Amino acid sequence: MGTNKTATFVKNLDNFTGDARLYKLDPPMDGNQYVVVSATIVPFSGPETCIFPSNEDGKVTSWGELYGSFRGGLDHQQALENAGYERKLVEV
Protein backbone atom coordinates (compact mmCIF):
# COMPACT_ATOMS: atom_id res chain seq x y z
CA MET A 1 0.00 0.00 0.00
CA GLY A 2 2.92 2.35 0.66
CA THR A 3 1.74 4.55 3.50
CA ASN A 4 3.63 5.76 6.53
CA LYS A 5 0.51 5.36 8.70
CA THR A 6 0.49 1.98 10.43
CA ALA A 7 -1.95 0.01 12.56
CA THR A 8 -0.10 -2.62 14.59
CA PHE A 9 -2.10 -5.58 15.88
CA VAL A 10 -1.95 -5.79 19.70
CA LYS A 11 -4.42 -8.52 20.69
CA ASN A 12 -7.77 -10.19 20.08
CA LEU A 13 -10.58 -9.06 22.37
CA ASP A 14 -13.09 -11.43 23.96
CA ASN A 15 -15.72 -9.08 25.39
CA PHE A 16 -17.37 -8.22 22.05
CA THR A 17 -19.80 -9.91 19.72
CA GLY A 18 -18.11 -10.91 16.48
CA ASP A 19 -14.39 -10.48 15.84
CA ALA A 20 -12.84 -7.55 17.74
CA ARG A 21 -9.14 -6.67 17.83
CA LEU A 22 -7.03 -3.96 19.43
CA TYR A 23 -4.63 -1.97 17.24
CA LYS A 24 -2.03 0.68 18.03
CA LEU A 25 -1.99 3.51 15.48
CA ASP A 26 1.03 5.49 14.36
CA PRO A 27 0.34 8.36 14.02
CA PRO A 28 -2.80 8.55 16.20
CA MET A 29 -6.17 9.14 14.49
CA ASP A 30 -8.11 12.08 15.92
CA GLY A 31 -5.94 11.90 19.05
CA ASN A 32 -6.48 8.16 19.51
CA GLN A 33 -3.35 6.01 19.69
CA TYR A 34 -5.38 2.81 20.27
CA VAL A 35 -8.52 1.63 18.50
CA VAL A 36 -10.79 -1.39 18.58
CA VAL A 37 -11.81 -2.72 15.18
CA SER A 38 -14.98 -4.79 15.47
CA ALA A 39 -16.42 -6.93 12.67
CA THR A 40 -19.88 -8.31 13.44
CA ILE A 41 -23.27 -9.05 11.94
CA VAL A 42 -25.89 -6.67 13.30
CA PRO A 43 -29.48 -7.95 13.47
CA PHE A 44 -31.71 -6.44 10.77
CA SER A 45 -28.86 -4.47 9.14
CA GLY A 46 -26.21 -7.07 8.30
CA PRO A 47 -22.41 -7.12 8.43
CA GLU A 48 -20.38 -4.11 9.50
CA THR A 49 -16.82 -3.34 10.54
CA CYS A 50 -16.41 -0.41 12.92
CA ILE A 51 -13.44 1.43 14.39
CA PHE A 52 -13.82 2.80 17.92
CA PRO A 53 -11.38 4.81 20.05
CA SER A 54 -10.04 2.86 23.02
CA ASN A 55 -7.39 2.76 25.70
CA GLU A 56 -4.31 0.50 25.61
CA ASP A 57 -6.30 -2.30 27.31
CA GLY A 58 -8.97 -2.40 24.60
CA LYS A 59 -11.69 -0.62 26.58
CA VAL A 60 -13.74 1.51 24.18
CA THR A 61 -13.65 5.17 25.27
CA SER A 62 -16.42 6.33 22.91
CA TRP A 63 -18.97 4.39 20.86
CA GLY A 64 -18.84 7.03 18.13
CA GLU A 65 -17.48 5.31 15.02
CA LEU A 66 -14.23 6.65 13.62
CA TYR A 67 -13.44 7.28 9.96
CA GLY A 68 -12.88 4.02 8.08
CA SER A 69 -15.85 2.16 9.53
CA PHE A 70 -18.13 0.62 6.92
CA ARG A 71 -21.21 -1.50 6.42
CA GLY A 72 -21.62 -4.46 4.10
CA GLY A 73 -18.53 -6.46 5.11
CA LEU A 74 -16.47 -8.04 7.87
CA ASP A 75 -12.92 -6.93 7.13
CA HIS A 76 -10.49 -5.36 9.62
CA GLN A 77 -7.91 -4.63 6.95
CA GLN A 78 -10.43 -2.83 4.73
CA ALA A 79 -11.60 -0.62 7.62
CA LEU A 80 -8.02 0.32 8.51
CA GLU A 81 -7.18 1.00 4.85
CA ASN A 82 -10.34 3.13 4.56
CA ALA A 83 -8.91 5.20 7.42
CA GLY A 84 -5.54 5.48 5.63
CA TYR A 85 -3.58 2.94 7.72
CA GLU A 86 -1.54 -0.05 6.69
CA ARG A 87 -2.14 -3.04 8.96
CA LYS A 88 0.92 -4.61 10.58
CA LEU A 89 0.53 -8.12 11.95
CA VAL A 90 3.55 -7.93 14.25
CA GLU A 91 2.47 -8.04 17.88
CA VAL A 92 3.74 -5.33 20.26
PDB file of N, CA and C in Angstrom:
ATOM      1  N   MET A   1       0.822  -1.197   0.000  1.00  0.00           N
ATOM      2  CA  MET A   1       0.000   0.000   0.000  1.00  0.00           C
ATOM      3  C   MET A   1       0.863   1.257   0.000  1.00  0.00           C
ATOM      4  N   GLY A   2       1.989   1.249   0.735  1.00  0.00           N
ATOM      5  CA  GLY A   2       2.920   2.354   0.660  1.00  0.00           C
ATOM      6  C   GLY A   2       2.536   3.587   1.449  1.00  0.00           C
ATOM      7  N   THR A   3       2.074   3.412   2.659  1.00  0.00           N
ATOM      8  CA  THR A   3       1.737   4.551   3.498  1.00  0.00           C
ATOM      9  C   THR A   3       2.643   4.559   4.714  1.00  0.00           C
ATOM     10  N   ASN A   4       2.834   5.723   5.310  1.00  0.00           N
ATOM     11  CA  ASN A   4       3.631   5.763   6.527  1.00  0.00           C
ATOM     12  C   ASN A   4       2.731   5.774   7.762  1.00  0.00           C
ATOM     13  N   LYS A   5       1.448   5.491   7.594  1.00  0.00           N
ATOM     14  CA  LYS A   5       0.508   5.359   8.701  1.00  0.00           C
ATOM     15  C   LYS A   5       0.302   3.869   8.937  1.00  0.00           C
ATOM     16  N   THR A   6       0.602   3.408  10.163  1.00  0.00           N
ATOM     17  CA  THR A   6       0.491   1.979  10.434  1.00  0.00           C
ATOM     18  C   THR A   6      -0.452   1.688  11.588  1.00  0.00           C
ATOM     19  N   ALA A   7      -1.096   0.542  11.497  1.00  0.00           N
ATOM     20  CA  ALA A   7      -1.952   0.008  12.557  1.00  0.00           C
ATOM     21  C   ALA A   7      -1.360  -1.333  12.952  1.00  0.00           C
ATOM     22  N   THR A   8      -0.767  -1.398  14.128  1.00  0.00           N
ATOM     23  CA  THR A   8      -0.104  -2.615  14.593  1.00  0.00           C
ATOM     24  C   THR A   8      -1.055  -3.422  15.470  1.00  0.00           C
ATOM     25  N   PHE A   9      -1.241  -4.682  15.107  1.00  0.00           N
ATOM     26  CA  PHE A   9      -2.095  -5.584  15.877  1.00  0.00           C
ATOM     27  C   PHE A   9      -1.516  -5.746  17.281  1.00  0.00           C
ATOM     28  N   VAL A  10      -2.377  -5.602  18.302  1.00  0.00           N
ATOM     29  CA  VAL A  10      -1.948  -5.789  19.695  1.00  0.00           C
ATOM     30  C   VAL A  10      -2.495  -7.105  20.240  1.00  0.00           C
ATOM     31  N   LYS A  11      -3.839  -7.282  20.170  1.00  0.00           N
ATOM     32  CA  LYS A  11      -4.423  -8.519  20.690  1.00  0.00           C
ATOM     33  C   LYS A  11      -5.867  -8.664  20.237  1.00  0.00           C
ATOM     34  N   ASN A  12      -6.351  -9.905  20.290  1.00  0.00           N
ATOM     35  CA  ASN A  12      -7.768 -10.192  20.075  1.00  0.00           C
ATOM     36  C   ASN A  12      -8.510  -9.850  21.359  1.00  0.00           C
ATOM     37  N   LEU A  13      -9.768  -9.431  21.225  1.00  0.00           N
ATOM     38  CA  LEU A  13     -10.584  -9.063  22.373  1.00  0.00           C
ATOM     39  C   LEU A  13     -11.765 -10.008  22.495  1.00  0.00           C
ATOM     40  N   ASP A  14     -12.050 -10.430  23.717  1.00  0.00           N
ATOM     41  CA  ASP A  14     -13.086 -11.428  23.957  1.00  0.00           C
ATOM     42  C   ASP A  14     -14.435 -10.856  24.362  1.00  0.00           C
ATOM     43  N   ASN A  15     -14.485  -9.619  24.815  1.00  0.00           N
ATOM     44  CA  ASN A  15     -15.716  -9.076  25.391  1.00  0.00           C
ATOM     45  C   ASN A  15     -16.590  -8.348  24.364  1.00  0.00           C
ATOM     46  N   PHE A  16     -16.580  -8.814  23.129  1.00  0.00           N
ATOM     47  CA  PHE A  16     -17.369  -8.221  22.048  1.00  0.00           C
ATOM     48  C   PHE A  16     -18.097  -9.319  21.309  1.00  0.00           C
ATOM     49  N   THR A  17     -19.204  -8.972  20.641  1.00  0.00           N
ATOM     50  CA  THR A  17     -19.803  -9.913  19.718  1.00  0.00           C
ATOM     51  C   THR A  17     -19.006  -9.825  18.418  1.00  0.00           C
ATOM     52  N   GLY A  18     -18.887 -10.915  17.720  1.00  0.00           N
ATOM     53  CA  GLY A  18     -18.111 -10.909  16.485  1.00  0.00           C
ATOM     54  C   GLY A  18     -16.616 -10.942  16.753  1.00  0.00           C
ATOM     55  N   ASP A  19     -15.849 -10.449  15.801  1.00  0.00           N
ATOM     56  CA  ASP A  19     -14.388 -10.478  15.841  1.00  0.00           C
ATOM     57  C   ASP A  19     -13.867  -9.074  16.139  1.00  0.00           C
ATOM     58  N   ALA A  20     -13.356  -8.861  17.348  1.00  0.00           N
ATOM     59  CA  ALA A  20     -12.843  -7.549  17.739  1.00  0.00           C
ATOM     60  C   ALA A  20     -11.362  -7.663  18.082  1.00  0.00           C
ATOM     61  N   ARG A  21     -10.588  -6.680  17.615  1.00  0.00           N
ATOM     62  CA  ARG A  21      -9.143  -6.672  17.832  1.00  0.00           C
ATOM     63  C   ARG A  21      -8.677  -5.264  18.198  1.00  0.00           C
ATOM     64  N   LEU A  22      -7.639  -5.217  19.014  1.00  0.00           N
ATOM     65  CA  LEU A  22      -7.034  -3.960  19.430  1.00  0.00           C
ATOM     66  C   LEU A  22      -5.835  -3.666  18.537  1.00  0.00           C
ATOM     67  N   TYR A  23      -5.751  -2.415  18.057  1.00  0.00           N
ATOM     68  CA  TYR A  23      -4.629  -1.968  17.235  1.00  0.00           C
ATOM     69  C   TYR A  23      -4.032  -0.699  17.831  1.00  0.00           C
ATOM     70  N   LYS A  24      -2.728  -0.545  17.651  1.00  0.00           N
ATOM     71  CA  LYS A  24      -2.027   0.678  18.027  1.00  0.00           C
ATOM     72  C   LYS A  24      -1.728   1.447  16.741  1.00  0.00           C
ATOM     73  N   LEU A  25      -2.142   2.705  16.688  1.00  0.00           N
ATOM     74  CA  LEU A  25      -1.994   3.514  15.479  1.00  0.00           C
ATOM     75  C   LEU A  25      -0.780   4.437  15.565  1.00  0.00           C
ATOM     76  N   ASP A  26      -0.089   4.559  14.460  1.00  0.00           N
ATOM     77  CA  ASP A  26       1.029   5.493  14.357  1.00  0.00           C
ATOM     78  C   ASP A  26       0.962   6.152  12.979  1.00  0.00           C
ATOM     79  N   PRO A  27       0.659   7.433  12.933  1.00  0.00           N
ATOM     80  CA  PRO A  27       0.341   8.357  14.022  1.00  0.00           C
ATOM     81  C   PRO A  27      -1.091   8.138  14.510  1.00  0.00           C
ATOM     82  N   PRO A  28      -1.428   8.691  15.681  1.00  0.00           N
ATOM     83  CA  PRO A  28      -2.798   8.553  16.198  1.00  0.00           C
ATOM     84  C   PRO A  28      -3.829   9.161  15.235  1.00  0.00           C
ATOM     85  N   MET A  29      -5.055   8.613  15.288  1.00  0.00           N
ATOM     86  CA  MET A  29      -6.167   9.139  14.489  1.00  0.00           C
ATOM     87  C   MET A  29      -7.081   9.945  15.411  1.00  0.00           C
ATOM     88  N   ASP A  30      -7.256  11.207  15.108  1.00  0.00           N
ATOM     89  CA  ASP A  30      -8.112  12.079  15.920  1.00  0.00           C
ATOM     90  C   ASP A  30      -7.731  12.023  17.398  1.00  0.00           C
ATOM     91  N   GLY A  31      -6.425  11.935  17.676  1.00  0.00           N
ATOM     92  CA  GLY A  31      -5.935  11.898  19.052  1.00  0.00           C
ATOM     93  C   GLY A  31      -5.984  10.535  19.706  1.00  0.00           C
ATOM     94  N   ASN A  32      -6.352   9.508  18.960  1.00  0.00           N
ATOM     95  CA  ASN A  32      -6.478   8.156  19.515  1.00  0.00           C
ATOM     96  C   ASN A  32      -5.327   7.274  19.055  1.00  0.00           C
ATOM     97  N   GLN A  33      -4.483   6.886  20.013  1.00  0.00           N
ATOM     98  CA  GLN A  33      -3.354   6.009  19.693  1.00  0.00           C
ATOM     99  C   GLN A  33      -3.795   4.556  19.572  1.00  0.00           C
ATOM    100  N   TYR A  34      -4.863   4.181  20.315  1.00  0.00           N
ATOM    101  CA  TYR A  34      -5.381   2.814  20.273  1.00  0.00           C
ATOM    102  C   TYR A  34      -6.812   2.823  19.767  1.00  0.00           C
ATOM    103  N   VAL A  35      -7.150   1.791  18.979  1.00  0.00           N
ATOM    104  CA  VAL A  35      -8.517   1.628  18.495  1.00  0.00           C
ATOM    105  C   VAL A  35      -8.910   0.162  18.559  1.00  0.00           C
ATOM    106  N   VAL A  36     -10.207  -0.064  18.705  1.00  0.00           N
ATOM    107  CA  VAL A  36     -10.790  -1.388  18.577  1.00  0.00           C
ATOM    108  C   VAL A  36     -11.454  -1.441  17.217  1.00  0.00           C
ATOM    109  N   VAL A  37     -11.130  -2.475  16.446  1.00  0.00           N
ATOM    110  CA  VAL A  37     -11.814  -2.719  15.182  1.00  0.00           C
ATOM    111  C   VAL A  37     -12.698  -3.941  15.411  1.00  0.00           C
ATOM    112  N   SER A  38     -13.999  -3.756  15.203  1.00  0.00           N
ATOM    113  CA  SER A  38     -14.982  -4.789  15.471  1.00  0.00           C
ATOM    114  C   SER A  38     -15.735  -5.146  14.203  1.00  0.00           C
ATOM    115  N   ALA A  39     -15.698  -6.429  13.847  1.00  0.00           N
ATOM    116  CA  ALA A  39     -16.420  -6.927  12.674  1.00  0.00           C
ATOM    117  C   ALA A  39     -17.517  -7.871  13.175  1.00  0.00           C
ATOM    118  N   THR A  40     -18.765  -7.509  12.926  1.00  0.00           N
ATOM    119  CA  THR A  40     -19.877  -8.307  13.439  1.00  0.00           C
ATOM    120  C   THR A  40     -21.088  -8.190  12.521  1.00  0.00           C
ATOM    121  N   ILE A  41     -22.002  -9.116  12.682  1.00  0.00           N
ATOM    122  CA  ILE A  41     -23.265  -9.053  11.944  1.00  0.00           C
ATOM    123  C   ILE A  41     -24.319  -8.484  12.886  1.00  0.00           C
ATOM    124  N   VAL A  42     -24.903  -7.366  12.487  1.00  0.00           N
ATOM    125  CA  VAL A  42     -25.895  -6.668  13.301  1.00  0.00           C
ATOM    126  C   VAL A  42     -27.290  -7.117  12.863  1.00  0.00           C
ATOM    127  N   PRO A  43     -28.124  -7.537  13.829  1.00  0.00           N
ATOM    128  CA  PRO A  43     -29.483  -7.953  13.471  1.00  0.00           C
ATOM    129  C   PRO A  43     -30.218  -6.871  12.672  1.00  0.00           C
ATOM    130  N   PHE A  44     -30.870  -7.278  11.629  1.00  0.00           N
ATOM    131  CA  PHE A  44     -31.705  -6.442  10.766  1.00  0.00           C
ATOM    132  C   PHE A  44     -30.929  -5.480   9.863  1.00  0.00           C
ATOM    133  N   SER A  45     -29.598  -5.359  10.039  1.00  0.00           N
ATOM    134  CA  SER A  45     -28.860  -4.468   9.135  1.00  0.00           C
ATOM    135  C   SER A  45     -27.663  -5.148   8.479  1.00  0.00           C
ATOM    136  N   GLY A  46     -27.247  -6.309   8.965  1.00  0.00           N
ATOM    137  CA  GLY A  46     -26.211  -7.074   8.296  1.00  0.00           C
ATOM    138  C   GLY A  46     -24.797  -6.814   8.802  1.00  0.00           C
ATOM    139  N   PRO A  47     -23.801  -7.210   7.995  1.00  0.00           N
ATOM    140  CA  PRO A  47     -22.411  -7.119   8.428  1.00  0.00           C
ATOM    141  C   PRO A  47     -21.898  -5.681   8.456  1.00  0.00           C
ATOM    142  N   GLU A  48     -21.038  -5.404   9.431  1.00  0.00           N
ATOM    143  CA  GLU A  48     -20.377  -4.105   9.503  1.00  0.00           C
ATOM    144  C   GLU A  48     -19.041  -4.253  10.224  1.00  0.00           C
ATOM    145  N   THR A  49     -18.123  -3.390   9.880  1.00  0.00           N
ATOM    146  CA  THR A  49     -16.822  -3.339  10.540  1.00  0.00           C
ATOM    147  C   THR A  49     -16.628  -1.907  11.010  1.00  0.00           C
ATOM    148  N   CYS A  50     -16.470  -1.749  12.320  1.00  0.00           N
ATOM    149  CA  CYS A  50     -16.410  -0.410  12.916  1.00  0.00           C
ATOM    150  C   CYS A  50     -15.099  -0.206  13.662  1.00  0.00           C
ATOM    151  N   ILE A  51     -14.635   1.028  13.650  1.00  0.00           N
ATOM    152  CA  ILE A  51     -13.440   1.429  14.391  1.00  0.00           C
ATOM    153  C   ILE A  51     -13.890   2.350  15.518  1.00  0.00           C
ATOM    154  N   PHE A  52     -13.476   2.007  16.742  1.00  0.00           N
ATOM    155  CA  PHE A  52     -13.821   2.800  17.920  1.00  0.00           C
ATOM    156  C   PHE A  52     -12.557   3.212  18.660  1.00  0.00           C
ATOM    157  N   PRO A  53     -12.524   4.417  19.224  1.00  0.00           N
ATOM    158  CA  PRO A  53     -11.384   4.812  20.046  1.00  0.00           C
ATOM    159  C   PRO A  53     -11.355   3.976  21.326  1.00  0.00           C
ATOM    160  N   SER A  54     -10.144   3.658  21.806  1.00  0.00           N
ATOM    161  CA  SER A  54     -10.035   2.861  23.023  1.00  0.00           C
ATOM    162  C   SER A  54      -8.773   3.225  23.790  1.00  0.00           C
ATOM    163  N   ASN A  55      -8.636   2.622  24.963  1.00  0.00           N
ATOM    164  CA  ASN A  55      -7.385   2.761  25.700  1.00  0.00           C
ATOM    165  C   ASN A  55      -6.476   1.585  25.344  1.00  0.00           C
ATOM    166  N   GLU A  56      -5.299   1.528  25.961  1.00  0.00           N
ATOM    167  CA  GLU A  56      -4.309   0.501  25.614  1.00  0.00           C
ATOM    168  C   GLU A  56      -4.732  -0.902  26.050  1.00  0.00           C
ATOM    169  N   ASP A  57      -5.793  -0.999  26.873  1.00  0.00           N
ATOM    170  CA  ASP A  57      -6.295  -2.301  27.306  1.00  0.00           C
ATOM    171  C   ASP A  57      -7.426  -2.814  26.425  1.00  0.00           C
ATOM    172  N   GLY A  58      -7.876  -2.002  25.477  1.00  0.00           N
ATOM    173  CA  GLY A  58      -8.965  -2.401  24.598  1.00  0.00           C
ATOM    174  C   GLY A  58     -10.338  -1.999  25.091  1.00  0.00           C
ATOM    175  N   LYS A  59     -10.398  -1.129  26.105  1.00  0.00           N
ATOM    176  CA  LYS A  59     -11.686  -0.615  26.578  1.00  0.00           C
ATOM    177  C   LYS A  59     -12.086   0.566  25.704  1.00  0.00           C
ATOM    178  N   VAL A  60     -13.246   0.450  25.063  1.00  0.00           N
ATOM    179  CA  VAL A  60     -13.742   1.513  24.182  1.00  0.00           C
ATOM    180  C   VAL A  60     -14.006   2.769  25.013  1.00  0.00           C
ATOM    181  N   THR A  61     -13.481   3.905  24.550  1.00  0.00           N
ATOM    182  CA  THR A  61     -13.646   5.170  25.271  1.00  0.00           C
ATOM    183  C   THR A  61     -14.785   6.004  24.711  1.00  0.00           C
ATOM    184  N   SER A  62     -15.263   5.673  23.507  1.00  0.00           N
ATOM    185  CA  SER A  62     -16.421   6.329  22.910  1.00  0.00           C
ATOM    186  C   SER A  62     -17.005   5.381  21.869  1.00  0.00           C
ATOM    187  N   TRP A  63     -18.327   5.269  21.839  1.00  0.00           N
ATOM    188  CA  TRP A  63     -18.972   4.394  20.863  1.00  0.00           C
ATOM    189  C   TRP A  63     -19.262   5.125  19.554  1.00  0.00           C
ATOM    190  N   GLY A  64     -18.739   6.341  19.401  1.00  0.00           N
ATOM    191  CA  GLY A  64     -18.842   7.034  18.125  1.00  0.00           C
ATOM    192  C   GLY A  64     -17.843   6.426  17.142  1.00  0.00           C
ATOM    193  N   GLU A  65     -18.344   5.966  16.006  1.00  0.00           N
ATOM    194  CA  GLU A  65     -17.484   5.306  15.022  1.00  0.00           C
ATOM    195  C   GLU A  65     -16.490   6.292  14.416  1.00  0.00           C
ATOM    196  N   LEU A  66     -15.260   5.835  14.242  1.00  0.00           N
ATOM    197  CA  LEU A  66     -14.227   6.646  13.617  1.00  0.00           C
ATOM    198  C   LEU A  66     -14.224   6.428  12.109  1.00  0.00           C
ATOM    199  N   TYR A  67     -13.571   7.361  11.411  1.00  0.00           N
ATOM    200  CA  TYR A  67     -13.437   7.277   9.958  1.00  0.00           C
ATOM    201  C   TYR A  67     -12.821   5.938   9.574  1.00  0.00           C
ATOM    202  N   GLY A  68     -13.356   5.316   8.539  1.00  0.00           N
ATOM    203  CA  GLY A  68     -12.882   4.024   8.075  1.00  0.00           C
ATOM    204  C   GLY A  68     -13.899   2.922   8.307  1.00  0.00           C
ATOM    205  N   SER A  69     -14.791   3.133   9.266  1.00  0.00           N
ATOM    206  CA  SER A  69     -15.847   2.162   9.534  1.00  0.00           C
ATOM    207  C   SER A  69     -16.734   2.024   8.296  1.00  0.00           C
ATOM    208  N   PHE A  70     -17.259   0.809   8.090  1.00  0.00           N
ATOM    209  CA  PHE A  70     -18.127   0.619   6.918  1.00  0.00           C
ATOM    210  C   PHE A  70     -19.131  -0.496   7.161  1.00  0.00           C
ATOM    211  N   ARG A  71     -20.186  -0.466   6.377  1.00  0.00           N
ATOM    212  CA  ARG A  71     -21.213  -1.498   6.420  1.00  0.00           C
ATOM    213  C   ARG A  71     -21.124  -2.342   5.153  1.00  0.00           C
ATOM    214  N   GLY A  72     -21.590  -3.583   5.264  1.00  0.00           N
ATOM    215  CA  GLY A  72     -21.618  -4.461   4.102  1.00  0.00           C
ATOM    216  C   GLY A  72     -20.474  -5.456   4.058  1.00  0.00           C
ATOM    217  N   GLY A  73     -19.631  -5.505   5.095  1.00  0.00           N
ATOM    218  CA  GLY A  73     -18.527  -6.458   5.106  1.00  0.00           C
ATOM    219  C   GLY A  73     -17.923  -6.628   6.485  1.00  0.00           C
ATOM    220  N   LEU A  74     -17.164  -7.717   6.620  1.00  0.00           N
ATOM    221  CA  LEU A  74     -16.471  -8.044   7.872  1.00  0.00           C
ATOM    222  C   LEU A  74     -14.980  -8.106   7.562  1.00  0.00           C
ATOM    223  N   ASP A  75     -14.304  -6.969   7.592  1.00  0.00           N
ATOM    224  CA  ASP A  75     -12.916  -6.927   7.134  1.00  0.00           C
ATOM    225  C   ASP A  75     -12.121  -5.850   7.881  1.00  0.00           C
ATOM    226  N   HIS A  76     -11.328  -6.295   8.839  1.00  0.00           N
ATOM    227  CA  HIS A  76     -10.494  -5.364   9.618  1.00  0.00           C
ATOM    228  C   HIS A  76      -9.541  -4.586   8.723  1.00  0.00           C
ATOM    229  N   GLN A  77      -8.883  -5.288   7.824  1.00  0.00           N
ATOM    230  CA  GLN A  77      -7.907  -4.635   6.948  1.00  0.00           C
ATOM    231  C   GLN A  77      -8.562  -3.551   6.106  1.00  0.00           C
ATOM    232  N   GLN A  78      -9.741  -3.822   5.559  1.00  0.00           N
ATOM    233  CA  GLN A  78     -10.429  -2.827   4.734  1.00  0.00           C
ATOM    234  C   GLN A  78     -10.775  -1.589   5.544  1.00  0.00           C
ATOM    235  N   ALA A  79     -11.261  -1.775   6.776  1.00  0.00           N
ATOM    236  CA  ALA A  79     -11.605  -0.622   7.619  1.00  0.00           C
ATOM    237  C   ALA A  79     -10.372   0.230   7.899  1.00  0.00           C
ATOM    238  N   LEU A  80      -9.258  -0.424   8.235  1.00  0.00           N
ATOM    239  CA  LEU A  80      -8.022   0.324   8.512  1.00  0.00           C
ATOM    240  C   LEU A  80      -7.511   1.027   7.260  1.00  0.00           C
ATOM    241  N   GLU A  81      -7.590   0.363   6.109  1.00  0.00           N
ATOM    242  CA  GLU A  81      -7.180   0.998   4.850  1.00  0.00           C
ATOM    243  C   GLU A  81      -8.099   2.167   4.519  1.00  0.00           C
ATOM    244  N   ASN A  82      -9.407   2.027   4.782  1.00  0.00           N
ATOM    245  CA  ASN A  82     -10.340   3.134   4.558  1.00  0.00           C
ATOM    246  C   ASN A  82      -9.917   4.363   5.362  1.00  0.00           C
ATOM    247  N   ALA A  83      -9.348   4.119   6.545  1.00  0.00           N
ATOM    248  CA  ALA A  83      -8.907   5.204   7.422  1.00  0.00           C
ATOM    249  C   ALA A  83      -7.494   5.684   7.074  1.00  0.00           C
ATOM    250  N   GLY A  84      -6.858   5.040   6.080  1.00  0.00           N
ATOM    251  CA  GLY A  84      -5.537   5.476   5.633  1.00  0.00           C
ATOM    252  C   GLY A  84      -4.371   4.784   6.310  1.00  0.00           C
ATOM    253  N   TYR A  85      -4.632   3.666   6.989  1.00  0.00           N
ATOM    254  CA  TYR A  85      -3.579   2.944   7.717  1.00  0.00           C
ATOM    255  C   TYR A  85      -3.244   1.611   7.052  1.00  0.00           C
ATOM    256  N   GLU A  86      -1.989   1.242   7.153  1.00  0.00           N
ATOM    257  CA  GLU A  86      -1.536  -0.053   6.690  1.00  0.00           C
ATOM    258  C   GLU A  86      -1.451  -0.972   7.897  1.00  0.00           C
ATOM    259  N   ARG A  87      -2.106  -2.125   7.823  1.00  0.00           N
ATOM    260  CA  ARG A  87      -2.140  -3.042   8.965  1.00  0.00           C
ATOM    261  C   ARG A  87      -0.827  -3.792   9.070  1.00  0.00           C
ATOM    262  N   LYS A  88      -0.280  -3.829  10.283  1.00  0.00           N
ATOM    263  CA  LYS A  88       0.916  -4.612  10.580  1.00  0.00           C
ATOM    264  C   LYS A  88       0.501  -5.742  11.490  1.00  0.00           C
ATOM    265  N   LEU A  89       0.930  -6.958  11.166  1.00  0.00           N
ATOM    266  CA  LEU A  89       0.529  -8.118  11.952  1.00  0.00           C
ATOM    267  C   LEU A  89       1.493  -8.427  13.078  1.00  0.00           C
ATOM    268  N   VAL A  90       2.578  -7.683  13.201  1.00  0.00           N
ATOM    269  CA  VAL A  90       3.546  -7.930  14.249  1.00  0.00           C
ATOM    270  C   VAL A  90       2.954  -7.496  15.580  1.00  0.00           C
ATOM    271  N   GLU A  91       3.012  -8.378  16.565  1.00  0.00           N
ATOM    272  CA  GLU A  91       2.472  -8.042  17.881  1.00  0.00           C
ATOM    273  C   GLU A  91       3.456  -7.132  18.621  1.00  0.00           C
ATOM    274  N   VAL A  92       2.910  -6.228  19.443  1.00  0.00           N
ATOM    275  CA  VAL A  92       3.741  -5.328  20.255  1.00  0.00           C
ATOM    276  C   VAL A  92       3.873  -5.863  21.651  1.00  0.00           C
TER     277      VAL A  92
END
